[in-house]
Amino acid sequence: MKFSRNVGTLDQVLRLGISAILFYISLVDTEFIADPLSSGILAFIAVGNLVVATVRICPLYSLVGINTRKLN
């Protein structure tokens, strides 16, 4: 199965911002979430979101048929 880019610019910027917030909450501000398991799960979600924003391919979007990228 070939994946094509389906993440638009606004979606990419939002994902990068959300990833930065999740990284801060899970790894820097340890008083906000004291549980290491929950903190690790948030960091894992942040990494996944960061990867999707970087490569601009969301497998979940492909499965559902969503495309936020403007086509020329």
N, C-alpha and C. Protein backbone atom coordinates (compact mmCIF):
# COMPACT_ATOMS: atom_id res chain seq x y z
N MET A 1 0.84 -1.17 0.00
CA MET A 1 0.00 0.00 0.00
C MET A 1 0.89 1.24 0.00
N LYS A 2 0.64 2.14 -0.96
CA LYS A 2 1.42 3.36 -1.06
C LYS A 2 0.67 4.49 -0.38
N PHE A 3 1.34 5.19 0.51
CA PHE A 3 0.75 6.32 1.19
C PHE A 3 1.17 7.60 0.48
N SER A 4 0.23 8.50 0.26
CA SER A 4 0.56 9.79 -0.30
C SER A 4 0.40 10.86 0.77
N ARG A 5 1.02 11.99 0.56
CA ARG A 5 0.95 13.06 1.56
C ARG A 5 -0.49 13.53 1.70
N ASN A 6 -0.95 13.58 2.93
CA ASN A 6 -2.33 13.98 3.18
C ASN A 6 -2.48 14.93 4.37
N VAL A 7 -1.39 15.54 4.79
CA VAL A 7 -1.40 16.48 5.91
C VAL A 7 -1.08 17.86 5.36
N GLY A 8 -2.02 18.79 5.54
CA GLY A 8 -1.85 20.16 5.05
C GLY A 8 -0.97 20.99 5.98
N THR A 9 -0.72 22.23 5.55
CA THR A 9 0.16 23.12 6.29
C THR A 9 -0.41 23.48 7.65
N LEU A 10 -1.68 23.85 7.71
CA LEU A 10 -2.28 24.19 9.00
C LEU A 10 -2.28 22.98 9.94
N ASP A 11 -2.61 21.83 9.41
CA ASP A 11 -2.58 20.59 10.19
C ASP A 11 -1.18 20.30 10.71
N GLN A 12 -0.18 20.54 9.88
CA GLN A 12 1.21 20.31 10.25
C GLN A 12 1.64 21.24 11.39
N VAL A 13 1.29 22.53 11.28
CA VAL A 13 1.64 23.50 12.31
C VAL A 13 0.95 23.16 13.63
N LEU A 14 -0.33 22.78 13.56
CA LEU A 14 -1.04 22.40 14.78
C LEU A 14 -0.42 21.17 15.43
N ARG A 15 -0.06 20.19 14.61
CA ARG A 15 0.57 18.98 15.16
C ARG A 15 1.92 19.30 15.82
N LEU A 16 2.70 20.18 15.22
CA LEU A 16 3.97 20.57 15.82
C LEU A 16 3.76 21.28 17.15
N GLY A 17 2.76 22.17 17.20
CA GLY A 17 2.46 22.87 18.45
C GLY A 17 1.97 21.93 19.54
N ILE A 18 1.08 21.03 19.17
CA ILE A 18 0.57 20.05 20.13
C ILE A 18 1.69 19.15 20.63
N SER A 19 2.59 18.76 19.74
CA SER A 19 3.73 17.92 20.14
C SER A 19 4.62 18.66 21.14
N ALA A 20 4.87 19.95 20.89
CA ALA A 20 5.70 20.73 21.80
C ALA A 20 5.05 20.82 23.18
N ILE A 21 3.74 21.05 23.20
CA ILE A 21 3.02 21.14 24.48
C ILE A 21 3.06 19.80 25.21
N LEU A 22 2.83 18.70 24.49
CA LEU A 22 2.85 17.38 25.12
C LEU A 22 4.24 17.03 25.64
N PHE A 23 5.29 17.39 24.88
CA PHE A 23 6.66 17.16 25.37
C PHE A 23 6.90 17.93 26.65
N TYR A 24 6.48 19.18 26.69
CA TYR A 24 6.69 19.98 27.88
C TYR A 24 5.96 19.40 29.08
N ILE A 25 4.70 19.03 28.88
CA ILE A 25 3.91 18.49 29.98
C ILE A 25 4.48 17.16 30.47
N SER A 26 4.91 16.31 29.54
CA SER A 26 5.32 14.96 29.94
C SER A 26 6.77 14.88 30.42
N LEU A 27 7.66 15.70 29.88
CA LEU A 27 9.08 15.54 30.22
C LEU A 27 9.67 16.68 31.03
N VAL A 28 9.20 17.89 30.85
CA VAL A 28 9.80 19.04 31.53
C VAL A 28 9.07 19.36 32.83
N ASP A 29 7.76 19.53 32.74
CA ASP A 29 6.96 19.89 33.92
C ASP A 29 6.48 18.62 34.60
N THR A 30 7.35 18.03 35.40
CA THR A 30 7.03 16.74 36.03
C THR A 30 6.02 16.86 37.17
N GLU A 31 5.77 18.06 37.65
CA GLU A 31 4.78 18.24 38.71
C GLU A 31 3.35 18.20 38.16
N PHE A 32 3.18 18.49 36.87
CA PHE A 32 1.85 18.50 36.27
C PHE A 32 1.29 17.08 36.20
N ILE A 33 2.11 16.14 35.75
CA ILE A 33 1.73 14.72 35.73
C ILE A 33 2.83 13.96 36.45
N ALA A 34 2.54 13.48 37.63
CA ALA A 34 3.54 12.82 38.45
C ALA A 34 3.71 11.35 38.10
N ASP A 35 2.72 10.74 37.48
CA ASP A 35 2.77 9.32 37.15
C ASP A 35 3.69 9.08 35.96
N PRO A 36 4.74 8.27 36.12
CA PRO A 36 5.68 8.04 35.01
C PRO A 36 5.05 7.33 33.81
N LEU A 37 4.09 6.46 34.05
CA LEU A 37 3.44 5.76 32.94
C LEU A 37 2.64 6.73 32.07
N SER A 38 1.85 7.58 32.70
CA SER A 38 1.08 8.57 31.95
C SER A 38 2.00 9.55 31.23
N SER A 39 3.07 9.92 31.88
CA SER A 39 4.04 10.82 31.26
C SER A 39 4.68 10.17 30.04
N GLY A 40 5.00 8.89 30.14
CA GLY A 40 5.57 8.17 29.01
C GLY A 40 4.61 8.02 27.85
N ILE A 41 3.35 7.79 28.16
CA ILE A 41 2.32 7.68 27.11
C ILE A 41 2.18 9.01 26.38
N LEU A 42 2.16 10.12 27.12
CA LEU A 42 2.07 11.43 26.48
C LEU A 42 3.30 11.71 25.61
N ALA A 43 4.49 11.32 26.08
CA ALA A 43 5.69 11.52 25.29
C ALA A 43 5.64 10.67 24.02
N PHE A 44 5.12 9.45 24.10
CA PHE A 44 4.99 8.58 22.93
C PHE A 44 4.02 9.19 21.91
N ILE A 45 2.92 9.74 22.38
CA ILE A 45 1.96 10.41 21.50
C ILE A 45 2.61 11.63 20.84
N ALA A 46 3.40 12.36 21.60
CA ALA A 46 4.08 13.54 21.06
C ALA A 46 5.06 13.15 19.96
N VAL A 47 5.79 12.07 20.16
CA VAL A 47 6.74 11.60 19.14
C VAL A 47 5.99 11.17 17.89
N GLY A 48 4.91 10.43 18.05
CA GLY A 48 4.11 10.01 16.90
C GLY A 48 3.56 11.19 16.13
N ASN A 49 3.05 12.17 16.85
CA ASN A 49 2.52 13.38 16.23
C ASN A 49 3.63 14.15 15.50
N LEU A 50 4.80 14.19 16.08
CA LEU A 50 5.95 14.87 15.48
C LEU A 50 6.38 14.18 14.19
N VAL A 51 6.39 12.87 14.19
CA VAL A 51 6.75 12.12 12.98
C VAL A 51 5.73 12.36 11.87
N VAL A 52 4.46 12.33 12.20
CA VAL A 52 3.41 12.56 11.20
C VAL A 52 3.53 13.98 10.64
N ALA A 53 3.81 14.96 11.50
CA ALA A 53 3.94 16.34 11.04
C ALA A 53 5.18 16.51 10.16
N THR A 54 6.23 15.77 10.43
CA THR A 54 7.46 15.89 9.66
C THR A 54 7.34 15.26 8.28
N VAL A 55 6.81 14.06 8.20
CA VAL A 55 6.71 13.37 6.91
C VAL A 55 5.44 13.72 6.16
N ARG A 56 4.48 14.36 6.84
CA ARG A 56 3.20 14.82 6.27
C ARG A 56 2.35 13.68 5.71
N ILE A 57 2.50 12.51 6.29
CA ILE A 57 1.68 11.36 5.93
C ILE A 57 1.07 10.79 7.21
N CYS A 58 -0.26 10.80 7.27
CA CYS A 58 -0.96 10.26 8.43
C CYS A 58 -1.66 8.96 8.01
N PRO A 59 -1.21 7.81 8.52
CA PRO A 59 -1.84 6.55 8.15
C PRO A 59 -3.31 6.48 8.54
N LEU A 60 -3.68 7.08 9.65
CA LEU A 60 -5.08 7.09 10.07
C LEU A 60 -5.93 7.89 9.08
N TYR A 61 -5.42 9.01 8.62
CA TYR A 61 -6.13 9.78 7.60
C TYR A 61 -6.31 8.96 6.33
N SER A 62 -5.29 8.19 5.96
CA SER A 62 -5.38 7.37 4.75
C SER A 62 -6.46 6.30 4.88
N LEU A 63 -6.56 5.70 6.05
CA LEU A 63 -7.58 4.67 6.27
C LEU A 63 -8.99 5.24 6.21
N VAL A 64 -9.17 6.45 6.76
CA VAL A 64 -10.49 7.05 6.82
C VAL A 64 -10.82 7.83 5.54
N GLY A 65 -9.80 8.22 4.78
CA GLY A 65 -10.03 8.95 3.54
C GLY A 65 -10.01 10.46 3.70
N ILE A 66 -9.32 10.96 4.73
CA ILE A 66 -9.24 12.39 4.97
C ILE A 66 -7.96 12.93 4.32
N ASN A 67 -8.07 14.12 3.71
CA ASN A 67 -6.92 14.77 3.12
C ASN A 67 -7.04 16.27 3.43
N THR A 68 -6.12 16.79 4.26
CA THR A 68 -6.15 18.21 4.61
C THR A 68 -5.19 19.02 3.76
N ARG A 69 -4.51 18.38 2.84
CA ARG A 69 -3.55 19.04 1.96
C ARG A 69 -4.27 19.61 0.75
N LYS A 70 -3.95 20.85 0.41
CA LYS A 70 -4.54 21.47 -0.77
C LYS A 70 -3.93 20.84 -2.01
N LEU A 71 -4.77 20.45 -2.93
CA LEU A 71 -4.30 19.90 -4.19
C LEU A 71 -4.22 21.01 -5.22
N ASN A 72 -3.14 21.01 -6.00
CA ASN A 72 -2.96 22.06 -7.02
C ASN A 72 -3.83 21.82 -8.21
